[in-house]
Amino acid sequence: MNDDLDAPSLSFSKARRLTRSAEFLRVRHEGKAHRGALMILGALVLKLEEPTAIRAGFVTTKRIGNAVARNRVRRRLREIVRRHQHAVRRRIWIVVIARPAAAGASYGALEDEWLRLAKRAFILAP
């Protein structure tokens, strides 16, 4: 018998990501932002009639650096959210905005800050 069938999926498909600017704007206007040295975490709790799955969006501006640096930061942030997605409460939209200091930060430092901001935003399940 395969125990992997009972384990939750760790995939983070494109359907689980915020992609439209209207979605990012909704999180910005209706949600709450929590600021850290490496990133800003915006979180919006959805209404009960809306879909249950979490969705996340990532913003890396040119202030972070060239395309290589921006993509590296974006990949790291996406991996952090993917690894911790099952700890996040349902019906949450998350927007993670990387700050310029994130380009020089290690994966561990980014993960520690994301967890700290997520706890402050009360988006982690008890």
C-alpha atoms as a PDB file:
ATOM      1  CA  MET A   1       0.000   0.000   0.000  1.00  0.00           C
ATOM      2  CA  ASN A   2       1.324   3.431  -0.965  1.00  0.00           C
ATOM      3  CA  ASP A   3       1.311   6.000   1.853  1.00  0.00           C
ATOM      4  CA  ASP A   4       1.991   8.834  -0.617  1.00  0.00           C
ATOM      5  CA  LEU A   5      -1.644   8.762  -1.730  1.00  0.00           C
ATOM      6  CA  ASP A   6      -2.758   9.928   1.724  1.00  0.00           C
ATOM      7  CA  ALA A   7      -0.196  12.738   1.930  1.00  0.00           C
ATOM      8  CA  PRO A   8      -1.279  16.223   0.850  1.00  0.00           C
ATOM      9  CA  SER A   9       0.010  17.399  -2.503  1.00  0.00           C
ATOM     10  CA  LEU A  10       2.972  19.752  -2.382  1.00  0.00           C
ATOM     11  CA  SER A  11       2.495  21.055  -5.919  1.00  0.00           C
ATOM     12  CA  PHE A  12       1.870  24.758  -6.424  1.00  0.00           C
ATOM     13  CA  SER A  13       0.354  25.056  -9.872  1.00  0.00           C
ATOM     14  CA  LYS A  14      -0.310  28.265 -11.756  1.00  0.00           C
ATOM     15  CA  ALA A  15      -3.990  27.948 -10.811  1.00  0.00           C
ATOM     16  CA  ARG A  16      -2.924  28.516  -7.173  1.00  0.00           C
ATOM     17  CA  ARG A  17      -1.242  31.834  -8.075  1.00  0.00           C
ATOM     18  CA  LEU A  18      -2.669  35.304  -8.413  1.00  0.00           C
ATOM     19  CA  THR A  19      -1.979  36.440 -11.966  1.00  0.00           C
ATOM     20  CA  ARG A  20      -4.366  39.277 -12.791  1.00  0.00           C
ATOM     21  CA  SER A  21      -3.710  42.856 -11.744  1.00  0.00           C
ATOM     22  CA  ALA A  22      -7.287  43.122 -10.428  1.00  0.00           C
ATOM     23  CA  GLU A  23      -6.516  40.303  -7.964  1.00  0.00           C
ATOM     24  CA  PHE A  24      -3.365  42.063  -6.743  1.00  0.00           C
ATOM     25  CA  LEU A  25      -5.303  45.329  -6.385  1.00  0.00           C
ATOM     26  CA  ARG A  26      -8.046  43.580  -4.409  1.00  0.00           C
ATOM     27  CA  VAL A  27      -5.509  42.261  -1.904  1.00  0.00           C
ATOM     28  CA  ARG A  28      -3.939  45.713  -1.683  1.00  0.00           C
ATOM     29  CA  HIS A  29      -7.204  47.567  -1.069  1.00  0.00           C
ATOM     30  CA  GLU A  30      -9.191  45.037   0.962  1.00  0.00           C
ATOM     31  CA  GLY A  31      -6.402  43.162   2.753  1.00  0.00           C
ATOM     32  CA  LYS A  32      -3.790  44.052   5.345  1.00  0.00           C
ATOM     33  CA  ALA A  33      -0.060  44.526   4.733  1.00  0.00           C
ATOM     34  CA  HIS A  34       2.662  43.409   7.124  1.00  0.00           C
ATOM     35  CA  ARG A  35       6.099  44.892   6.484  1.00  0.00           C
ATOM     36  CA  GLY A  36       9.484  43.335   7.101  1.00  0.00           C
ATOM     37  CA  ALA A  37      13.043  44.138   6.101  1.00  0.00           C
ATOM     38  CA  LEU A  38      13.060  41.691   3.167  1.00  0.00           C
ATOM     39  CA  MET A  39       9.437  41.633   2.033  1.00  0.00           C
ATOM     40  CA  ILE A  40       5.919  42.928   2.477  1.00  0.00           C
ATOM     41  CA  LEU A  41       3.201  40.340   3.030  1.00  0.00           C
ATOM     42  CA  GLY A  42      -0.318  41.317   2.006  1.00  0.00           C
ATOM     43  CA  ALA A  43      -3.133  39.008   3.092  1.00  0.00           C
ATOM     44  CA  LEU A  44      -6.827  39.044   2.261  1.00  0.00           C
ATOM     45  CA  VAL A  45      -9.319  36.752   3.994  1.00  0.00           C
ATOM     46  CA  LEU A  46     -12.061  35.843   1.533  1.00  0.00           C
ATOM     47  CA  LYS A  47     -15.770  35.585   2.256  1.00  0.00           C
ATOM     48  CA  LEU A  48     -17.325  32.196   3.008  1.00  0.00           C
ATOM     49  CA  GLU A  49     -18.986  31.856  -0.413  1.00  0.00           C
ATOM     50  CA  GLU A  50     -15.668  32.264  -2.247  1.00  0.00           C
ATOM     51  CA  PRO A  51     -13.282  29.390  -3.168  1.00  0.00           C
ATOM     52  CA  THR A  52     -11.485  27.651  -0.319  1.00  0.00           C
ATOM     53  CA  ALA A  53      -7.993  27.193  -1.758  1.00  0.00           C
ATOM     54  CA  ILE A  54      -5.236  29.655  -0.960  1.00  0.00           C
ATOM     55  CA  ARG A  55      -3.751  31.656  -3.814  1.00  0.00           C
ATOM     56  CA  ALA A  56      -0.514  33.609  -3.793  1.00  0.00           C
ATOM     57  CA  GLY A  57       1.065  36.279  -5.962  1.00  0.00           C
ATOM     58  CA  PHE A  58       4.650  37.504  -6.045  1.00  0.00           C
ATOM     59  CA  VAL A  59       5.985  40.948  -6.951  1.00  0.00           C
ATOM     60  CA  THR A  60       9.645  41.599  -7.725  1.00  0.00           C
ATOM     61  CA  THR A  61      10.345  45.076  -9.061  1.00  0.00           C
ATOM     62  CA  LYS A  62      13.384  46.353 -10.947  1.00  0.00           C
ATOM     63  CA  ARG A  63      14.656  47.916  -7.714  1.00  0.00           C
ATOM     64  CA  ILE A  64      15.698  44.393  -6.686  1.00  0.00           C
ATOM     65  CA  GLY A  65      18.187  44.109  -9.525  1.00  0.00           C
ATOM     66  CA  ASN A  66      18.511  42.599 -12.961  1.00  0.00           C
ATOM     67  CA  ALA A  67      16.268  39.846 -14.329  1.00  0.00           C
ATOM     68  CA  VAL A  68      18.471  37.093 -12.888  1.00  0.00           C
ATOM     69  CA  ALA A  69      18.208  38.513  -9.360  1.00  0.00           C
ATOM     70  CA  ARG A  70      14.456  39.151  -9.656  1.00  0.00           C
ATOM     71  CA  ASN A  71      13.765  35.643 -10.929  1.00  0.00           C
ATOM     72  CA  ARG A  72      15.924  34.075  -8.192  1.00  0.00           C
ATOM     73  CA  VAL A  73      14.025  35.969  -5.480  1.00  0.00           C
ATOM     74  CA  ARG A  74      10.671  35.098  -7.083  1.00  0.00           C
ATOM     75  CA  ARG A  75      11.572  31.379  -7.286  1.00  0.00           C
ATOM     76  CA  ARG A  76      12.680  31.354  -3.647  1.00  0.00           C
ATOM     77  CA  LEU A  77       9.503  33.082  -2.457  1.00  0.00           C
ATOM     78  CA  ARG A  78       7.318  30.733  -4.490  1.00  0.00           C
ATOM     79  CA  GLU A  79       9.135  27.721  -3.010  1.00  0.00           C
ATOM     80  CA  ILE A  80       8.688  29.059   0.531  1.00  0.00           C
ATOM     81  CA  VAL A  81       4.945  29.487   0.030  1.00  0.00           C
ATOM     82  CA  ARG A  82       4.710  26.077  -1.685  1.00  0.00           C
ATOM     83  CA  ARG A  83       6.423  24.341   1.244  1.00  0.00           C
ATOM     84  CA  HIS A  84       4.202  26.044   3.826  1.00  0.00           C
ATOM     85  CA  GLN A  85       0.917  26.093   1.879  1.00  0.00           C
ATOM     86  CA  HIS A  86      -0.689  23.411   4.033  1.00  0.00           C
ATOM     87  CA  ALA A  87      -0.029  25.451   7.185  1.00  0.00           C
ATOM     88  CA  VAL A  88      -1.926  28.453   5.783  1.00  0.00           C
ATOM     89  CA  ARG A  89      -5.621  28.824   6.589  1.00  0.00           C
ATOM     90  CA  ARG A  90      -8.053  28.373   3.721  1.00  0.00           C
ATOM     91  CA  ARG A  91      -9.783  31.225   1.863  1.00  0.00           C
ATOM     92  CA  ILE A  92      -6.675  33.419   1.917  1.00  0.00           C
ATOM     93  CA  TRP A  93      -5.077  35.372  -0.894  1.00  0.00           C
ATOM     94  CA  ILE A  94      -1.445  36.298  -0.297  1.00  0.00           C
ATOM     95  CA  VAL A  95       0.723  38.845  -2.108  1.00  0.00           C
ATOM     96  CA  VAL A  96       4.433  38.818  -1.331  1.00  0.00           C
ATOM     97  CA  ILE A  97       6.307  41.939  -2.424  1.00  0.00           C
ATOM     98  CA  ALA A  98      10.077  41.540  -2.315  1.00  0.00           C
ATOM     99  CA  ARG A  99      12.163  44.457  -1.076  1.00  0.00           C
ATOM    100  CA  PRO A 100      15.623  45.257  -2.533  1.00  0.00           C
ATOM    101  CA  ALA A 101      17.362  43.637   0.472  1.00  0.00           C
ATOM    102  CA  ALA A 102      15.792  40.289  -0.544  1.00  0.00           C
ATOM    103  CA  ALA A 103      18.241  40.004  -3.469  1.00  0.00           C
ATOM    104  CA  GLY A 104      21.176  39.587  -1.086  1.00  0.00           C
ATOM    105  CA  ALA A 105      19.351  37.474   1.484  1.00  0.00           C
ATOM    106  CA  SER A 106      19.727  33.728   1.840  1.00  0.00           C
ATOM    107  CA  TYR A 107      16.859  31.298   1.386  1.00  0.00           C
ATOM    108  CA  GLY A 108      16.796  30.696   5.145  1.00  0.00           C
ATOM    109  CA  ALA A 109      16.544  34.408   5.917  1.00  0.00           C
ATOM    110  CA  LEU A 110      13.658  34.789   3.438  1.00  0.00           C
ATOM    111  CA  GLU A 111      11.865  31.789   4.922  1.00  0.00           C
ATOM    112  CA  ASP A 112      12.315  33.030   8.502  1.00  0.00           C
ATOM    113  CA  GLU A 113      10.917  36.442   7.607  1.00  0.00           C
ATOM    114  CA  TRP A 114       7.984  34.935   5.685  1.00  0.00           C
ATOM    115  CA  LEU A 115       7.057  32.754   8.670  1.00  0.00           C
ATOM    116  CA  ARG A 116       7.368  35.706  11.056  1.00  0.00           C
ATOM    117  CA  LEU A 117       5.128  37.893   8.864  1.00  0.00           C
ATOM    118  CA  ALA A 118       2.640  35.053   8.325  1.00  0.00           C
ATOM    119  CA  LYS A 119       2.316  34.583  12.083  1.00  0.00           C
ATOM    120  CA  ARG A 120       1.853  38.333  12.531  1.00  0.00           C
ATOM    121  CA  ALA A 121      -0.855  38.297   9.834  1.00  0.00           C
ATOM    122  CA  PHE A 122      -2.619  35.345  11.541  1.00  0.00           C
ATOM    123  CA  ILE A 123      -2.787  33.380   8.285  1.00  0.00           C
ATOM    124  CA  LEU A 124      -1.231  30.192   9.675  1.00  0.00           C
ATOM    125  CA  ALA A 125      -3.670  27.534  10.848  1.00  0.00           C
ATOM    126  CA  PRO A 126      -3.611  26.792  14.601  1.00  0.00           C
END
